[in-house]
N, C-alpha and C. Protein backbone atom coordinates (compact mmCIF):
# COMPACT_ATOMS: atom_id res chain seq x y z
N MET A 1 0.79 -1.03 -0.03
CA MET A 1 -0.33 -0.25 -0.06
C MET A 1 0.98 1.01 -0.04
N LYS A 2 0.71 2.18 -0.94
CA LYS A 2 1.26 3.63 -0.97
C LYS A 2 1.02 4.50 0.26
N ALA A 3 2.06 5.23 0.97
CA ALA A 3 1.46 5.62 2.29
C ALA A 3 0.47 6.74 1.75
N ALA A 4 1.00 7.50 0.39
CA ALA A 4 0.07 8.23 0.12
C ALA A 4 -1.38 8.12 -0.06
N ALA A 5 -1.41 7.06 -0.18
CA ALA A 5 -2.71 6.38 -0.77
C ALA A 5 -3.62 5.93 0.83
N ALA A 6 -2.66 5.99 1.89
CA ALA A 6 -3.41 5.49 2.97
C ALA A 6 -4.26 6.41 3.51
N MET A 7 -3.96 7.52 3.49
CA MET A 7 -4.70 8.74 4.46
C MET A 7 -5.76 9.54 3.22
N SER A 8 -6.55 9.70 3.58
CA SER A 8 -7.12 11.01 2.59
C SER A 8 -7.99 12.05 3.70
N PRO A 9 -7.77 13.09 3.12
CA PRO A 9 -8.30 14.33 4.05
C PRO A 9 -9.70 14.35 4.29
N ALA A 10 -10.35 14.56 5.25
CA ALA A 10 -11.73 14.54 5.53
C ALA A 10 -12.49 14.75 4.74
N GLY A 11 -13.40 14.48 4.12
CA GLY A 11 -14.29 15.11 3.12
C GLY A 11 -13.73 14.92 1.70
N LYS A 12 -12.93 13.87 1.45
CA LYS A 12 -12.19 13.72 0.02
C LYS A 12 -12.24 12.25 0.02
N LEU A 13 -12.90 11.83 -1.12
CA LEU A 13 -12.75 10.43 -1.33
C LEU A 13 -11.53 9.93 -1.91
N ALA A 14 -10.83 8.46 -1.35
CA ALA A 14 -9.88 8.38 -2.10
C ALA A 14 -9.82 7.62 -3.17
N ARG A 15 -8.70 8.04 -4.26
CA ARG A 15 -9.48 7.21 -5.55
C ARG A 15 -8.46 6.25 -5.75
N ASP A 16 -7.18 6.42 -5.28
CA ASP A 16 -6.16 5.49 -5.54
C ASP A 16 -6.48 3.90 -4.64
N SER A 17 -5.87 3.11 -5.10
CA SER A 17 -6.23 1.68 -4.25
C SER A 17 -5.62 1.53 -3.31
N ARG A 18 -6.38 1.40 -2.14
CA ARG A 18 -5.95 1.27 -0.84
C ARG A 18 -5.44 -0.25 -0.44
N PHE A 19 -5.63 -1.09 -1.23
CA PHE A 19 -5.28 -2.60 -1.00
C PHE A 19 -4.16 -2.99 -1.27
N ALA A 20 -3.49 -3.38 -0.22
CA ALA A 20 -2.34 -4.47 -0.75
C ALA A 20 -2.23 -5.59 -1.75
N ASP A 21 -3.21 -6.16 -1.92
CA ASP A 21 -3.73 -6.61 -3.09
C ASP A 21 -5.12 -6.61 -3.72
N PRO A 22 -5.23 -5.54 -5.00
CA PRO A 22 -6.71 -5.43 -5.13
C PRO A 22 -7.32 -6.36 -6.00
N ASP A 23 -6.51 -7.42 -6.29
CA ASP A 23 -7.30 -8.54 -7.20
C ASP A 23 -7.59 -9.69 -6.27
N ALA A 24 -6.97 -9.62 -5.01
CA ALA A 24 -7.72 -10.22 -3.98
C ALA A 24 -8.87 -9.76 -3.38
N ALA A 25 -8.87 -8.62 -3.53
CA ALA A 25 -10.15 -7.83 -3.05
C ALA A 25 -11.52 -8.00 -3.91
N PHE A 26 -10.99 -7.67 -5.13
CA PHE A 26 -12.24 -8.28 -6.40
C PHE A 26 -12.50 -9.65 -6.39
N ARG A 27 -11.60 -10.45 -6.12
CA ARG A 27 -12.03 -12.15 -5.89
C ARG A 27 -12.87 -12.42 -4.51
N LEU A 28 -12.58 -11.60 -3.72
CA LEU A 28 -13.53 -11.76 -2.56
C LEU A 28 -15.04 -11.43 -2.63
N LEU A 29 -14.94 -10.31 -3.64
CA LEU A 29 -16.36 -9.75 -3.72
C LEU A 29 -17.01 -10.31 -4.67
N ALA A 30 -16.78 -11.03 -5.81
CA ALA A 30 -16.67 -11.75 -6.94
C ALA A 30 -17.21 -13.01 -6.13
N LYS A 31 -16.46 -13.65 -5.22
CA LYS A 31 -16.97 -14.82 -4.47
C LYS A 31 -18.36 -14.85 -3.74
N ALA A 32 -18.40 -13.72 -2.77
CA ALA A 32 -19.71 -13.37 -2.02
C ALA A 32 -20.87 -13.60 -2.99
N HIS A 33 -20.93 -13.28 -4.00
CA HIS A 33 -22.01 -13.28 -4.89
C HIS A 33 -22.02 -14.84 -5.78
N ARG A 34 -21.04 -15.49 -5.54
CA ARG A 34 -20.96 -16.83 -6.72
C ARG A 34 -22.54 -17.67 -5.92
N ASP A 35 -23.13 -18.24 -6.64
CA ASP A 35 -24.13 -18.93 -6.65
C ASP A 35 -25.67 -18.33 -5.71
N LEU A 36 -25.76 -17.19 -5.85
CA LEU A 36 -26.73 -16.23 -5.73
C LEU A 36 -27.58 -15.69 -7.17
N ASP A 37 -28.66 -15.95 -6.84
CA ASP A 37 -29.49 -15.35 -8.11
C ASP A 37 -29.50 -13.58 -7.90
N GLU A 38 -29.90 -13.25 -9.29
CA GLU A 38 -30.09 -11.68 -9.39
C GLU A 38 -30.51 -10.86 -8.10
N GLN A 39 -31.41 -11.39 -7.59
CA GLN A 39 -32.26 -10.88 -6.52
C GLN A 39 -31.38 -10.92 -5.34
N ALA A 40 -30.95 -12.01 -4.88
CA ALA A 40 -30.02 -12.18 -3.73
C ALA A 40 -28.83 -11.33 -3.90
N SER A 41 -28.11 -11.46 -5.07
CA SER A 41 -27.00 -10.71 -5.48
C SER A 41 -27.36 -9.14 -5.42
N ALA A 42 -28.02 -8.56 -5.46
CA ALA A 42 -29.08 -7.43 -5.48
C ALA A 42 -29.23 -6.80 -3.84
N ALA A 43 -29.26 -7.68 -3.39
CA ALA A 43 -29.97 -7.62 -1.79
C ALA A 43 -28.58 -7.78 -1.16
N LEU A 44 -27.42 -8.46 -1.39
CA LEU A 44 -26.10 -8.25 -0.75
C LEU A 44 -25.53 -7.10 -1.00
N ASN A 45 -25.56 -6.57 -2.51
CA ASN A 45 -24.78 -5.50 -2.83
C ASN A 45 -25.44 -4.23 -2.28
N ALA A 46 -26.92 -4.33 -1.90
CA ALA A 46 -27.48 -3.30 -1.06
C ALA A 46 -27.25 -3.21 0.83
N ARG A 47 -26.79 -4.27 1.07
CA ARG A 47 -26.55 -4.27 2.44
C ARG A 47 -24.92 -3.79 2.50
N LEU A 48 -24.24 -4.44 1.80
CA LEU A 48 -22.69 -4.19 1.68
C LEU A 48 -22.71 -2.75 1.29
N VAL A 49 -23.46 -1.97 0.49
CA VAL A 49 -23.49 -0.62 0.38
C VAL A 49 -23.70 -0.21 2.10
N LEU A 50 -24.86 -0.16 2.36
CA LEU A 50 -25.11 0.26 3.79
C LEU A 50 -23.80 -0.02 5.04
N ILE A 51 -23.44 -1.18 4.86
CA ILE A 51 -22.71 -1.25 5.74
C ILE A 51 -21.36 -0.38 5.64
N LEU A 52 -20.67 -0.38 4.74
CA LEU A 52 -19.38 0.53 4.17
C LEU A 52 -19.83 1.85 3.82
N ALA A 53 -21.10 2.68 3.70
CA ALA A 53 -21.50 3.78 4.02
C ALA A 53 -21.13 4.20 5.35
N ASN A 54 -21.82 3.51 6.20
CA ASN A 54 -22.02 3.66 7.87
C ASN A 54 -20.21 3.65 8.50
N HIS A 55 -19.51 2.67 7.81
CA HIS A 55 -17.96 2.77 7.94
C HIS A 55 -17.49 4.04 7.43
N ILE A 56 -17.84 4.84 6.93
CA ILE A 56 -17.29 5.95 5.92
C ILE A 56 -17.71 6.91 7.12
N GLY A 57 -18.57 6.62 7.27
CA GLY A 57 -19.34 7.92 8.32
C GLY A 57 -19.03 9.32 7.73
N ASP A 58 -19.15 9.91 6.68
CA ASP A 58 -18.78 10.99 6.24
C ASP A 58 -19.62 11.26 4.84
N GLU A 59 -20.50 12.10 5.17
CA GLU A 59 -21.79 12.53 4.23
C GLU A 59 -21.12 13.28 3.06
N GLU A 60 -20.44 13.66 2.81
CA GLU A 60 -19.28 14.65 1.67
C GLU A 60 -18.46 13.34 1.14
N VAL A 61 -17.82 12.89 1.48
CA VAL A 61 -17.14 11.52 1.31
C VAL A 61 -18.10 10.79 0.32
N LEU A 62 -19.21 10.38 0.81
CA LEU A 62 -20.46 9.49 0.27
C LEU A 62 -21.00 10.07 -0.47
N ARG A 63 -21.31 11.38 -0.70
CA ARG A 63 -22.04 11.77 -1.71
C ARG A 63 -20.86 12.16 -3.04
N GLU A 64 -19.50 12.14 -2.61
CA GLU A 64 -18.63 12.38 -3.76
C GLU A 64 -18.59 10.65 -4.94
N ALA A 65 -18.71 10.17 -3.65
CA ALA A 65 -18.31 8.09 -4.16
C ALA A 65 -19.73 7.96 -4.73
N VAL A 66 -21.06 8.59 -4.62
CA VAL A 66 -22.38 8.29 -5.20
C VAL A 66 -22.26 8.94 -6.86
N ALA A 67 -21.76 10.35 -6.54
CA ALA A 67 -21.84 10.93 -7.85
C ALA A 67 -20.52 10.08 -9.32
N LEU A 68 -19.28 9.63 -8.38
CA LEU A 68 -18.38 9.46 -9.08
C LEU A 68 -18.84 7.85 -9.44
N ALA A 69 -19.59 6.91 -8.79
CA ALA A 69 -20.29 5.81 -9.74
C ALA A 69 -21.42 6.01 -10.70
N ARG A 70 -21.91 6.86 -10.22
CA ARG A 70 -22.87 7.35 -11.23
C ARG A 70 -22.29 7.76 -12.56
N GLU A 71 -21.66 8.52 -12.50
CA GLU A 71 -20.58 9.04 -13.82
C GLU A 71 -19.83 7.64 -14.54
N ALA A 72 -19.39 6.56 -13.90
CA ALA A 72 -18.63 5.54 -14.19
C ALA A 72 -19.64 4.44 -14.81
N GLY A 73 -20.97 5.00 -14.66
CA GLY A 73 -21.92 3.80 -14.90
C GLY A 73 -22.67 3.92 -16.37
């Protein structure tokens, strides 16, 4: 993990990867959806989003993340 990416100022979304192994993180998320139908997968995503949004705990960062996700979609 790069030291510069490890910390982000309050109210600023970290955009660099903060994972030591980004591929392992992706595999973990993909594995969580294995054997789920579309509805169960969507429900898992919704729960995960709410859990992680609570962990972030910063509405400004969350707003920035939502905007970035909508742009990318």
